[in-house]
Structures are given as structure tokens and as C-alpha cells.
Amino acid sequence: MSTRGTAISAYSPAFSKGAQVYGANIASGVVTSAHIADGTVVAGDIGAGSITSAKIGTGAVTSIKLGAAAVISAKIGVSAVQNTNIAANAIRAGAISARAVTSAKIGVSAVGNTNIKANAIRAGAISARAVTSAKLFAAFLSGTVSGLTSGVVAIAHGLGAVPKFVSVVTRAAHADIVAATANQAFLAAASAATSTNIYIKTTKGGNVKYSAYVQI
């Protein structure tokens, strides 16, 4: 007598060919990724909201994954775009709104000589009394020429360029000026100036005080 027990037909209704496999009949963990064919899971098989940020790997969303115009301003966080995120020459003039660049947006000493075009600053842009003597490339000189009856004395102006304008006057008391024998100081010639010196001559010997204004 056989002791193998009662045989179960391979064609019993519950496991016959064509029988449906329900979720309740599948043990937990039985169906793994190896059992899912490539391309089987399509968009329609993914539930709304099922793919969260935790399911997306770091660096997985690349630029080719983004549709044209997909990243709008509402998707960009406040202060998310820093200086290091902006390519050189990326911001063109057309991207700046009219009157967007105010004085508060310009850093101290940000506008240097190389940022100002030739003839860009017109007379109307300069406030009244804004250009003082301290703003002029000029020199105010004074001194005494001693014992010069003939010849010329060189006076250093320190501007490092040939002046466009030089004026010399005698600096003396009223009695000295009106005296018939008064000494006078004046430029040695109309073009008596170099990038280093101006040149003064006096009418008589003695000590003659002078004042000079030299402008580049």
C-alpha cells in the first residue's frame, strides 16, 4: 500500500491554466524588480502624487528632463539665484527694467574712470558750484625771485604735464606797485612752461614776490 498521501491534481480549478492570480494570492516581497519587464510600467500605471522628492535621486533631474519654459519665476526660491549662478555677460541691457538701476544699487567707487565714456558727462549734469578748485588739475604757486635783473628762473609746478594755462602776478604792497622803480614778475614768454616747470622773469633786481596759477 502506498504511503505517499493523497495526490493533488495539477489541473485543480484554483491553479489551472488561465486562472487569475489575485493580490491576496501573492506573498509579500515575492514580486521584485527582476519580475517587472523593462518598459512595463508606463505613465498610466503611476498614481498621482506617488513619485515624491524622496523617490528622485540626487542629480537625477537634468536639464534635458525639463520642458521648454517649465521653470518659471514661481519655481525659483527667494535668493536662490546667487552671483555664482549667473554666467558672465548673461544679463543683457534688455533684461534690465527701465529705471531699475538706482543710485542705491551702485556700490561705492563702483563707477571708475574706465566706466565713463568720453564726453558722457555734459555740463548740465554737473551741479552748480560742484567743480571747486580742489577738483581742478591745477597748482597754486607763490614765492620770491631774488636778485634777478636778467635771465629767467624755473619754477617747478609738479603737475607732470604741460599746462594749458599759466598766470603770474606780482605779489607786493601798493606802494611797491605804484613806485616808478617797482619790480614786476611775469612769464618769461607766452609758452614758457613744460611738463615740469614754468619760467618767470622780473623787470629789475631785488626780491620780487609772485603768485602763479597753473592749470592742465
Protein backbone atom coordinates (compact mmCIF):
# COMPACT_ATOMS: atom_id res chain seq x y z
CA MET A 1 0.00 0.00 0.00
CA SER A 2 1.28 3.42 -0.95
CA THR A 3 2.23 5.82 1.86
CA ARG A 4 2.80 9.00 -0.25
CA GLY A 5 -0.53 10.53 0.67
CA THR A 6 -3.36 11.84 -1.47
CA ALA A 7 -2.22 13.27 -4.80
CA ILE A 8 -3.36 16.75 -5.82
CA SER A 9 -4.15 17.24 -9.46
CA ALA A 10 -2.01 19.85 -11.22
CA TYR A 11 -5.18 20.85 -13.00
CA SER A 12 -7.25 21.67 -9.96
CA PRO A 13 -9.52 24.66 -10.65
CA ALA A 14 -7.63 27.07 -8.37
CA PHE A 15 -4.31 26.61 -10.23
CA SER A 16 -5.42 25.55 -13.69
CA LYS A 17 -4.09 27.28 -16.79
CA GLY A 18 -5.75 30.63 -17.27
CA ALA A 19 -6.68 31.02 -13.64
CA GLN A 20 -6.30 34.61 -12.35
CA VAL A 21 -3.72 35.49 -9.70
CA TYR A 22 -5.18 37.92 -7.21
CA GLY A 23 -3.22 40.18 -4.87
CA ALA A 24 -4.33 38.12 -1.91
CA ASN A 25 -2.64 35.08 -3.50
CA ILE A 26 0.79 36.83 -3.79
CA ALA A 27 3.02 36.71 -0.75
CA SER A 28 4.69 39.92 0.38
CA GLY A 29 8.04 40.51 -1.31
CA VAL A 30 7.54 37.84 -3.97
CA VAL A 31 7.28 40.23 -6.94
CA THR A 32 10.61 42.08 -7.14
CA SER A 33 12.05 44.43 -9.75
CA ALA A 34 13.52 41.38 -11.52
CA HIS A 35 9.94 40.21 -12.24
CA ILE A 36 8.96 43.52 -13.91
CA ALA A 37 9.87 43.69 -17.59
CA ASP A 38 11.58 46.83 -18.89
CA GLY A 39 9.07 49.31 -20.23
CA THR A 40 6.18 47.64 -18.47
CA VAL A 41 5.47 50.45 -16.02
CA VAL A 42 4.13 53.35 -18.09
CA ALA A 43 2.84 56.76 -17.04
CA GLY A 44 -0.71 55.43 -16.72
CA ASP A 45 0.45 52.89 -14.11
CA ILE A 46 1.86 55.61 -11.80
CA GLY A 47 -0.63 57.03 -9.31
CA ALA A 48 -1.00 60.79 -8.90
CA GLY A 49 1.46 62.11 -6.32
CA SER A 50 3.20 58.74 -5.95
CA ILE A 51 6.62 59.99 -7.08
CA THR A 52 7.79 62.29 -4.28
CA SER A 53 11.10 64.14 -3.92
CA ALA A 54 12.40 61.26 -1.76
CA LYS A 55 11.97 58.94 -4.78
CA ILE A 56 14.10 61.15 -7.03
CA GLY A 57 17.83 60.54 -6.83
CA THR A 58 20.32 63.36 -6.32
CA GLY A 59 21.17 64.86 -9.71
CA ALA A 60 18.54 62.71 -11.45
CA VAL A 61 16.59 65.65 -12.90
CA THR A 62 18.93 67.11 -15.53
CA SER A 63 18.33 69.96 -17.94
CA ILE A 64 17.08 67.63 -20.71
CA LYS A 65 14.34 66.43 -18.34
CA LEU A 66 12.92 69.97 -18.13
CA GLY A 67 10.45 71.08 -20.73
CA ALA A 68 10.80 74.39 -22.52
CA ALA A 69 9.62 77.24 -20.24
CA ALA A 70 8.99 74.69 -17.46
CA VAL A 71 10.97 76.59 -14.83
CA ILE A 72 9.00 79.78 -14.18
CA SER A 73 9.68 82.50 -11.61
CA ALA A 74 7.27 80.88 -9.14
CA LYS A 75 9.51 77.78 -9.10
CA ILE A 76 12.62 79.77 -8.14
CA GLY A 77 13.09 80.39 -4.43
CA VAL A 78 13.83 83.79 -2.97
CA SER A 79 17.61 84.45 -3.13
CA ALA A 80 18.09 81.11 -4.94
CA VAL A 81 19.94 82.72 -7.85
CA GLN A 82 23.29 83.96 -6.50
CA ASN A 83 26.19 85.67 -8.25
CA THR A 84 27.85 82.30 -8.86
CA ASN A 85 24.74 81.08 -10.74
CA ILE A 86 24.90 83.88 -13.29
CA ALA A 87 27.23 83.38 -16.25
CA ALA A 88 29.49 86.19 -17.39
CA ASN A 89 27.61 88.61 -19.70
CA ALA A 90 24.36 86.67 -19.05
CA ILE A 91 22.39 89.75 -18.01
CA ARG A 92 21.96 91.95 -21.07
CA ALA A 93 20.70 95.51 -21.17
CA GLY A 94 17.32 94.34 -22.46
CA ALA A 95 16.80 92.26 -19.29
CA ILE A 96 17.05 95.30 -17.02
CA SER A 97 13.84 97.22 -16.45
CA ALA A 98 13.72 100.94 -17.08
CA ARG A 99 14.93 102.86 -14.01
CA ALA A 100 15.80 99.56 -12.27
CA VAL A 101 19.40 100.57 -11.61
CA THR A 102 19.13 103.30 -9.00
CA SER A 103 21.91 105.02 -7.07
CA ALA A 104 21.32 102.62 -4.16
CA LYS A 105 22.24 99.69 -6.47
CA ILE A 106 25.62 101.18 -7.37
CA GLY A 107 28.43 100.34 -4.96
CA VAL A 108 30.78 102.90 -3.51
CA SER A 109 33.59 103.56 -6.02
CA ALA A 110 31.91 101.13 -8.47
CA VAL A 111 31.94 103.63 -11.34
CA GLY A 112 35.58 104.30 -12.22
CA ASN A 113 37.14 106.35 -15.00
CA THR A 114 37.10 103.36 -17.35
CA ASN A 115 33.29 103.05 -16.96
CA ILE A 116 32.62 106.59 -18.22
CA LYS A 117 32.62 107.18 -21.96
CA ALA A 118 34.36 110.17 -23.44
CA ASN A 119 32.11 113.25 -23.35
CA ALA A 120 29.48 111.29 -21.37
CA ILE A 121 29.28 113.87 -18.58
CA ARG A 122 27.76 117.04 -20.00
CA ALA A 123 27.69 120.46 -18.41
CA GLY A 124 24.02 120.06 -17.50
CA ALA A 125 24.86 117.02 -15.36
CA ILE A 126 27.22 118.99 -13.13
CA SER A 127 25.61 120.78 -10.20
CA ALA A 128 26.21 124.47 -9.68
CA ARG A 129 29.43 125.08 -7.71
CA ALA A 130 30.23 121.35 -7.84
CA VAL A 131 33.56 121.91 -9.58
CA THR A 132 35.76 123.56 -6.94
CA SER A 133 39.46 124.35 -7.07
CA ALA A 134 40.14 121.01 -5.36
CA LYS A 135 38.58 119.24 -8.38
CA LEU A 136 40.80 121.03 -10.91
CA PHE A 137 44.09 119.59 -12.09
CA ALA A 138 45.93 122.75 -11.23
CA ALA A 139 48.63 124.23 -8.99
CA PHE A 140 48.74 127.43 -6.96
CA LEU A 141 52.34 128.63 -6.60
CA SER A 142 53.92 131.50 -4.70
CA GLY A 143 57.44 132.53 -3.76
CA THR A 144 60.16 135.13 -4.17
CA VAL A 145 62.56 135.67 -7.04
CA SER A 146 65.79 137.12 -5.64
CA GLY A 147 68.30 139.33 -7.45
CA LEU A 148 67.15 138.56 -10.99
CA THR A 149 67.91 141.51 -13.29
CA SER A 150 68.16 139.45 -16.45
CA GLY A 151 67.58 135.87 -17.44
CA VAL A 152 64.80 133.51 -16.39
CA VAL A 153 64.12 131.39 -13.30
CA ALA A 154 62.44 127.97 -13.49
CA ILE A 155 59.62 127.23 -11.01
CA ALA A 156 58.52 123.58 -10.62
CA HIS A 157 54.72 123.15 -10.78
CA GLY A 158 54.56 119.39 -10.02
CA LEU A 159 51.64 118.56 -12.34
CA GLY A 160 53.56 116.24 -14.65
CA ALA A 161 52.03 117.65 -17.85
CA VAL A 162 52.40 120.74 -19.96
CA PRO A 163 49.94 123.34 -18.62
CA LYS A 164 47.18 124.74 -20.79
CA PHE A 165 47.03 127.95 -18.77
CA VAL A 166 49.58 129.85 -16.67
CA SER A 167 49.07 133.20 -14.95
CA VAL A 168 51.73 135.05 -12.93
CA VAL A 169 51.21 138.23 -10.88
CA THR A 170 53.48 140.32 -8.67
CA ARG A 171 52.59 139.94 -5.03
CA ALA A 172 53.61 143.27 -3.48
CA ALA A 173 52.35 146.16 -1.39
CA HIS A 174 50.52 149.04 -3.03
CA ALA A 175 53.49 151.40 -2.59
CA ASP A 176 55.77 148.94 -4.36
CA ILE A 177 53.45 148.61 -7.32
CA VAL A 178 52.99 152.36 -7.93
CA ALA A 179 56.67 153.23 -7.45
CA ALA A 180 58.48 154.12 -10.62
CA THR A 181 61.24 151.72 -9.75
CA ALA A 182 58.91 148.85 -8.81
CA ASN A 183 59.97 145.33 -9.65
CA GLN A 184 57.46 143.20 -11.57
CA ALA A 185 57.26 139.44 -12.11
CA PHE A 186 55.77 137.89 -15.23
CA LEU A 187 56.02 134.87 -17.53
CA ALA A 188 59.23 134.80 -19.49
CA ALA A 189 57.26 134.04 -22.67
CA ALA A 190 53.72 133.19 -23.71
CA SER A 191 54.65 129.49 -23.94
CA ALA A 192 57.11 129.47 -21.05
CA ALA A 193 56.02 126.17 -19.49
CA THR A 194 56.92 122.50 -19.70
CA SER A 195 55.63 119.35 -18.00
CA THR A 196 57.98 120.21 -15.13
CA ASN A 197 58.39 123.98 -14.85
CA ILE A 198 57.02 127.41 -15.54
CA TYR A 199 59.51 130.21 -16.22
CA ILE A 200 59.40 133.65 -14.58
CA LYS A 201 61.30 136.85 -15.36
CA THR A 202 61.43 140.13 -13.38
CA THR A 203 61.92 143.70 -14.54
CA LYS A 204 64.61 144.70 -12.02
CA GLY A 205 66.90 143.16 -9.43
CA GLY A 206 65.98 142.63 -5.82
CA ASN A 207 63.46 140.36 -4.15
CA VAL A 208 60.22 140.10 -6.10
CA LYS A 209 57.30 138.14 -4.68
CA TYR A 210 54.99 136.38 -7.10
CA SER A 211 51.86 134.24 -7.24
CA ALA A 212 51.13 131.85 -10.09
CA TYR A 213 48.18 129.72 -11.17
CA VAL A 214 48.96 126.74 -13.39
CA GLN A 215 46.19 124.57 -14.91
CA ILE A 216 46.36 121.48 -17.07
